[in-house]
């Protein structure tokens, strides 16, 4: 692990307030690996032996059942996954695979639990992180259960627009098949949903989105921070 990677991990909210000696002890058992794209890092149902930290690249969290699979979330630098399995000493509830060439730090879960017991600031940070994850799950459920597919797509595009700087043109984060999975749709339904947003000024060319009438799409989507703001 390079010095800059060590500092980046130290600055994460999860580790920022813990005692230096405890962070050093935690990192002593950690190691860093480079992975090419489309490598499965963990498999749901397996023991949660490591806490993973994405240092560079990106990771898709996904789940599969009865011949179907769905994307649950995308993890980007610098952030952790899957903390709950590490703390609970339980199986992973999701699988993870790299979306691109990625550099991942792995910290043994037993070391995380040991420092959790010894460092109150670290324990408080873990509780805060898990609470944030819980709130994000609630917001995702509200988005899925309270909105139509057209409304989910419209609000996703508005969130993506904000992340891209607020301009009228921006690129989707990933290809449409995966976007359909994230939004709980089939690719065919996503295609119909994009067409359904055309009257509100939305045009799509490949992965490029153009918002032609900001007021119309916002009036239709009715964005709500209690659903769409995943930072709180």
Protein backbone atom coordinates (compact mmCIF):
# COMPACT_ATOMS: atom_id res chain seq x y z
CA UNK A 1 0.00 0.00 0.00
CA UNK A 2 1.42 3.39 -1.00
CA UNK A 3 1.64 6.33 1.41
CA UNK A 4 -1.03 8.23 -0.53
CA UNK A 5 -3.41 5.23 -0.39
CA UNK A 6 -2.74 4.91 3.33
CA UNK A 7 -3.63 8.59 3.81
CA UNK A 8 -6.76 8.30 1.64
CA UNK A 9 -8.03 5.40 3.73
CA UNK A 10 -7.16 7.21 6.97
CA UNK A 11 -9.27 10.19 5.85
CA UNK A 12 -12.42 8.13 5.35
CA UNK A 13 -15.08 9.00 7.93
CA UNK A 14 -14.94 5.40 9.10
CA UNK A 15 -11.29 5.69 10.16
CA UNK A 16 -10.67 9.42 10.61
CA UNK A 17 -11.26 9.69 14.37
CA UNK A 18 -9.81 6.40 15.60
CA UNK A 19 -6.58 6.29 17.59
CA UNK A 20 -3.37 6.16 15.55
CA UNK A 21 -2.20 2.93 17.16
CA UNK A 22 -5.51 1.23 16.38
CA UNK A 23 -5.44 2.36 12.75
CA UNK A 24 -1.86 1.14 12.44
CA UNK A 25 -2.85 -2.22 13.90
CA UNK A 26 -5.80 -2.45 11.51
CA UNK A 27 -3.63 -1.69 8.48
CA UNK A 28 -0.94 -4.15 9.55
CA UNK A 29 -3.10 -7.07 8.42
CA UNK A 30 -4.45 -5.32 5.32
CA UNK A 31 -3.23 -5.78 1.79
CA UNK A 32 -3.93 -4.25 -1.60
CA UNK A 33 -4.61 -6.03 -4.89
CA UNK A 34 -5.17 -4.94 -8.48
CA UNK A 35 -8.06 -6.56 -10.33
CA UNK A 36 -9.01 -6.41 -14.02
CA UNK A 37 -12.57 -5.63 -15.10
CA UNK A 38 -15.37 -8.16 -14.56
CA UNK A 39 -13.64 -10.09 -11.77
CA UNK A 40 -15.94 -11.38 -9.02
CA UNK A 41 -14.47 -10.23 -5.71
CA UNK A 42 -16.98 -11.78 -3.32
CA UNK A 43 -19.96 -14.12 -3.71
CA UNK A 44 -23.19 -13.79 -1.76
CA UNK A 45 -23.60 -16.51 0.81
CA UNK A 46 -19.88 -16.80 1.49
CA UNK A 47 -18.46 -15.75 4.90
CA UNK A 48 -17.71 -12.04 5.24
CA UNK A 49 -13.99 -12.51 5.83
CA UNK A 50 -12.83 -9.08 4.63
CA UNK A 51 -13.84 -5.45 4.64
CA UNK A 52 -13.11 -4.14 1.14
CA UNK A 53 -12.06 -0.58 0.26
CA UNK A 54 -12.19 0.66 -3.32
CA UNK A 55 -9.05 2.75 -3.86
CA UNK A 56 -9.44 3.17 -7.62
CA UNK A 57 -11.84 1.90 -10.28
CA UNK A 58 -15.43 0.90 -9.48
CA UNK A 59 -17.32 -2.12 -8.19
CA UNK A 60 -20.81 -3.43 -8.94
CA UNK A 61 -22.73 -4.91 -6.01
CA UNK A 62 -25.27 -7.40 -7.35
CA UNK A 63 -27.47 -10.31 -6.36
CA UNK A 64 -28.81 -13.37 -8.19
CA UNK A 65 -31.72 -15.74 -7.65
CA UNK A 66 -33.43 -18.39 -9.74
CA UNK A 67 -31.62 -17.51 -12.94
CA UNK A 68 -32.05 -13.76 -12.57
CA UNK A 69 -29.62 -11.13 -11.34
CA UNK A 70 -29.85 -7.46 -10.49
CA UNK A 71 -27.44 -4.63 -9.74
CA UNK A 72 -27.85 -3.23 -6.23
CA UNK A 73 -25.28 -0.40 -6.09
CA UNK A 74 -22.06 0.95 -7.52
CA UNK A 75 -19.08 1.57 -5.21
CA UNK A 76 -16.54 4.23 -6.20
CA UNK A 77 -13.29 5.48 -4.65
CA UNK A 78 -12.54 5.90 -1.87
CA UNK A 79 -15.21 3.89 -0.01
CA UNK A 80 -15.89 0.59 1.72
CA UNK A 81 -18.15 -2.40 1.15
CA UNK A 82 -19.77 -4.58 2.70
CA UNK A 83 -19.43 -3.33 6.31
CA UNK A 84 -22.48 -5.05 7.80
CA UNK A 85 -21.24 -8.56 7.03
CA UNK A 86 -17.88 -7.71 8.59
CA UNK A 87 -19.38 -6.43 11.85
CA UNK A 88 -22.04 -9.11 12.15
CA UNK A 89 -19.62 -11.91 11.20
CA UNK A 90 -22.25 -13.11 8.76
CA UNK A 91 -22.40 -14.14 5.10
CA UNK A 92 -22.30 -11.61 2.31
CA UNK A 93 -25.84 -10.74 1.15
CA UNK A 94 -24.54 -9.44 -2.18
CA UNK A 95 -21.83 -10.35 -4.64
CA UNK A 96 -19.31 -7.84 -5.98
CA UNK A 97 -17.45 -7.58 -9.28
CA UNK A 98 -15.17 -4.98 -10.76
CA UNK A 99 -16.63 -2.79 -13.49
CA UNK A 100 -13.19 -1.66 -14.64
CA UNK A 101 -9.58 -2.14 -13.63
CA UNK A 102 -9.68 -1.56 -9.88
CA UNK A 103 -7.37 -1.38 -6.89
CA UNK A 104 -8.90 -2.83 -3.72
CA UNK A 105 -7.69 -2.91 -0.13
CA UNK A 106 -8.79 -5.87 2.00
CA UNK A 107 -8.89 -5.71 5.80
CA UNK A 108 -9.55 -8.95 7.71
CA UNK A 109 -12.98 -8.76 9.33
CA UNK A 110 -11.73 -10.24 12.59
CA UNK A 111 -9.30 -7.33 12.92
CA UNK A 112 -12.11 -4.83 12.31
CA UNK A 113 -14.23 -6.44 15.03
CA UNK A 114 -11.30 -6.48 17.47
CA UNK A 115 -10.64 -2.74 17.00
CA UNK A 116 -14.40 -2.09 17.19
CA UNK A 117 -14.29 -3.45 20.75
CA UNK A 118 -11.17 -1.45 21.67
CA UNK A 119 -11.78 1.98 20.08
CA UNK A 120 -14.98 3.87 20.94
CA UNK A 121 -14.46 6.50 18.21
CA UNK A 122 -14.12 3.76 15.60
CA UNK A 123 -17.21 2.00 16.97
CA UNK A 124 -19.19 5.26 16.77
CA UNK A 125 -18.05 5.79 13.17
CA UNK A 126 -19.15 2.27 12.25
CA UNK A 127 -22.59 2.85 13.77
CA UNK A 128 -22.88 6.11 11.83
CA UNK A 129 -21.88 4.42 8.57
CA UNK A 130 -24.33 1.57 9.09
CA UNK A 131 -27.08 4.08 9.89
CA UNK A 132 -26.31 5.91 6.65
CA UNK A 133 -26.50 2.62 4.73
CA UNK A 134 -29.86 1.85 6.37
CA UNK A 135 -31.25 5.26 5.41
CA UNK A 136 -30.05 4.77 1.82
CA UNK A 137 -31.84 1.42 1.66
CA UNK A 138 -35.07 3.05 2.89
CA UNK A 139 -34.80 5.76 0.24
CA UNK A 140 -34.14 3.18 -2.48
CA UNK A 141 -37.20 1.21 -1.34
CA UNK A 142 -39.36 4.33 -1.39
CA UNK A 143 -38.13 5.12 -4.90
CA UNK A 144 -39.01 1.59 -6.04
CA UNK A 145 -42.38 1.26 -4.31
CA UNK A 146 -43.83 4.77 -4.57
CA UNK A 147 -42.86 5.72 -8.12
CA UNK A 148 -43.70 4.42 -11.55
CA UNK A 149 -40.86 3.28 -13.79
CA UNK A 150 -41.12 6.56 -15.70
CA UNK A 151 -40.84 8.58 -12.47
CA UNK A 152 -37.88 6.49 -11.28
CA UNK A 153 -36.03 7.11 -14.53
CA UNK A 154 -36.82 10.84 -14.48
CA UNK A 155 -35.52 11.25 -10.94
CA UNK A 156 -32.44 9.15 -11.68
CA UNK A 157 -31.63 11.44 -14.60
CA UNK A 158 -32.05 14.53 -12.42
CA UNK A 159 -29.70 13.05 -9.81
CA UNK A 160 -27.18 12.16 -12.49
CA UNK A 161 -27.47 15.66 -13.94
CA UNK A 162 -26.61 17.18 -10.55
CA UNK A 163 -23.63 14.83 -10.11
CA UNK A 164 -22.38 15.84 -13.57
CA UNK A 165 -22.43 19.53 -12.67
CA UNK A 166 -25.98 20.55 -13.57
CA UNK A 167 -25.53 21.08 -17.31
CA UNK A 168 -28.22 20.29 -19.85
CA UNK A 169 -26.09 17.53 -21.40
CA UNK A 170 -24.35 14.71 -19.51
CA UNK A 171 -23.33 11.08 -19.82
CA UNK A 172 -24.93 8.12 -18.08
CA UNK A 173 -22.72 6.41 -15.53
CA UNK A 174 -23.01 3.03 -17.23
CA UNK A 175 -24.62 1.19 -20.14
CA UNK A 176 -28.39 0.99 -20.39
CA UNK A 177 -28.78 -2.71 -19.58
CA UNK A 178 -27.18 -2.16 -16.20
CA UNK A 179 -29.19 1.03 -15.67
CA UNK A 180 -32.37 -0.97 -16.25
CA UNK A 181 -31.27 -3.42 -13.58
CA UNK A 182 -30.49 -0.64 -11.09
CA UNK A 183 -33.93 0.90 -11.65
CA UNK A 184 -35.77 -2.42 -11.39
CA UNK A 185 -36.79 -2.60 -15.06
CA UNK A 186 -36.22 -4.81 -18.05
CA UNK A 187 -34.13 -3.27 -20.86
CA UNK A 188 -37.30 -3.14 -22.98
CA UNK A 189 -39.16 -1.20 -20.28
CA UNK A 190 -36.24 1.20 -19.95
CA UNK A 191 -36.34 1.88 -23.68
CA UNK A 192 -40.06 2.63 -23.44
CA UNK A 193 -39.47 4.84 -20.42
CA UNK A 194 -36.90 6.95 -22.30
CA UNK A 195 -39.46 7.41 -25.09
CA UNK A 196 -42.06 8.32 -22.46
CA UNK A 197 -39.84 11.17 -21.25
CA UNK A 198 -39.49 12.74 -24.68
CA UNK A 199 -42.57 14.99 -24.19
CA UNK A 200 -40.81 16.42 -21.11
CA UNK A 201 -37.76 17.47 -23.11
CA UNK A 202 -35.50 14.45 -22.57
CA UNK A 203 -33.53 13.09 -25.51
CA UNK A 204 -31.00 10.27 -25.45
CA UNK A 205 -28.22 9.40 -27.90
CA UNK A 206 -26.34 6.32 -26.81
CA UNK A 207 -25.35 7.14 -23.24
CA UNK A 208 -25.62 10.90 -23.71
CA UNK A 209 -28.65 12.62 -22.17
CA UNK A 210 -29.97 16.06 -23.08
CA UNK A 211 -32.48 17.88 -20.88
CA UNK A 212 -34.28 20.27 -23.20
CA UNK A 213 -36.82 21.59 -20.70
CA UNK A 214 -35.64 21.61 -17.10
CA UNK A 215 -38.91 22.90 -15.66
CA UNK A 216 -41.01 20.26 -17.42
CA UNK A 217 -38.93 17.28 -16.32
CA UNK A 218 -38.71 18.55 -12.73
CA UNK A 219 -42.47 19.19 -12.62
CA UNK A 220 -43.08 15.64 -13.81
CA UNK A 221 -40.46 13.95 -11.61
CA UNK A 222 -41.22 15.88 -8.39
CA UNK A 223 -37.81 15.17 -6.81
CA UNK A 224 -37.90 14.76 -3.05
CA UNK A 225 -34.81 14.96 -0.79
CA UNK A 226 -36.38 12.31 1.49
CA UNK A 227 -36.01 9.91 -1.45
CA UNK A 228 -33.37 11.35 -3.74
CA UNK A 229 -30.71 12.81 -1.44
CA UNK A 230 -28.52 9.85 -0.53
CA UNK A 231 -26.04 12.04 1.37
CA UNK A 232 -28.29 12.50 4.43
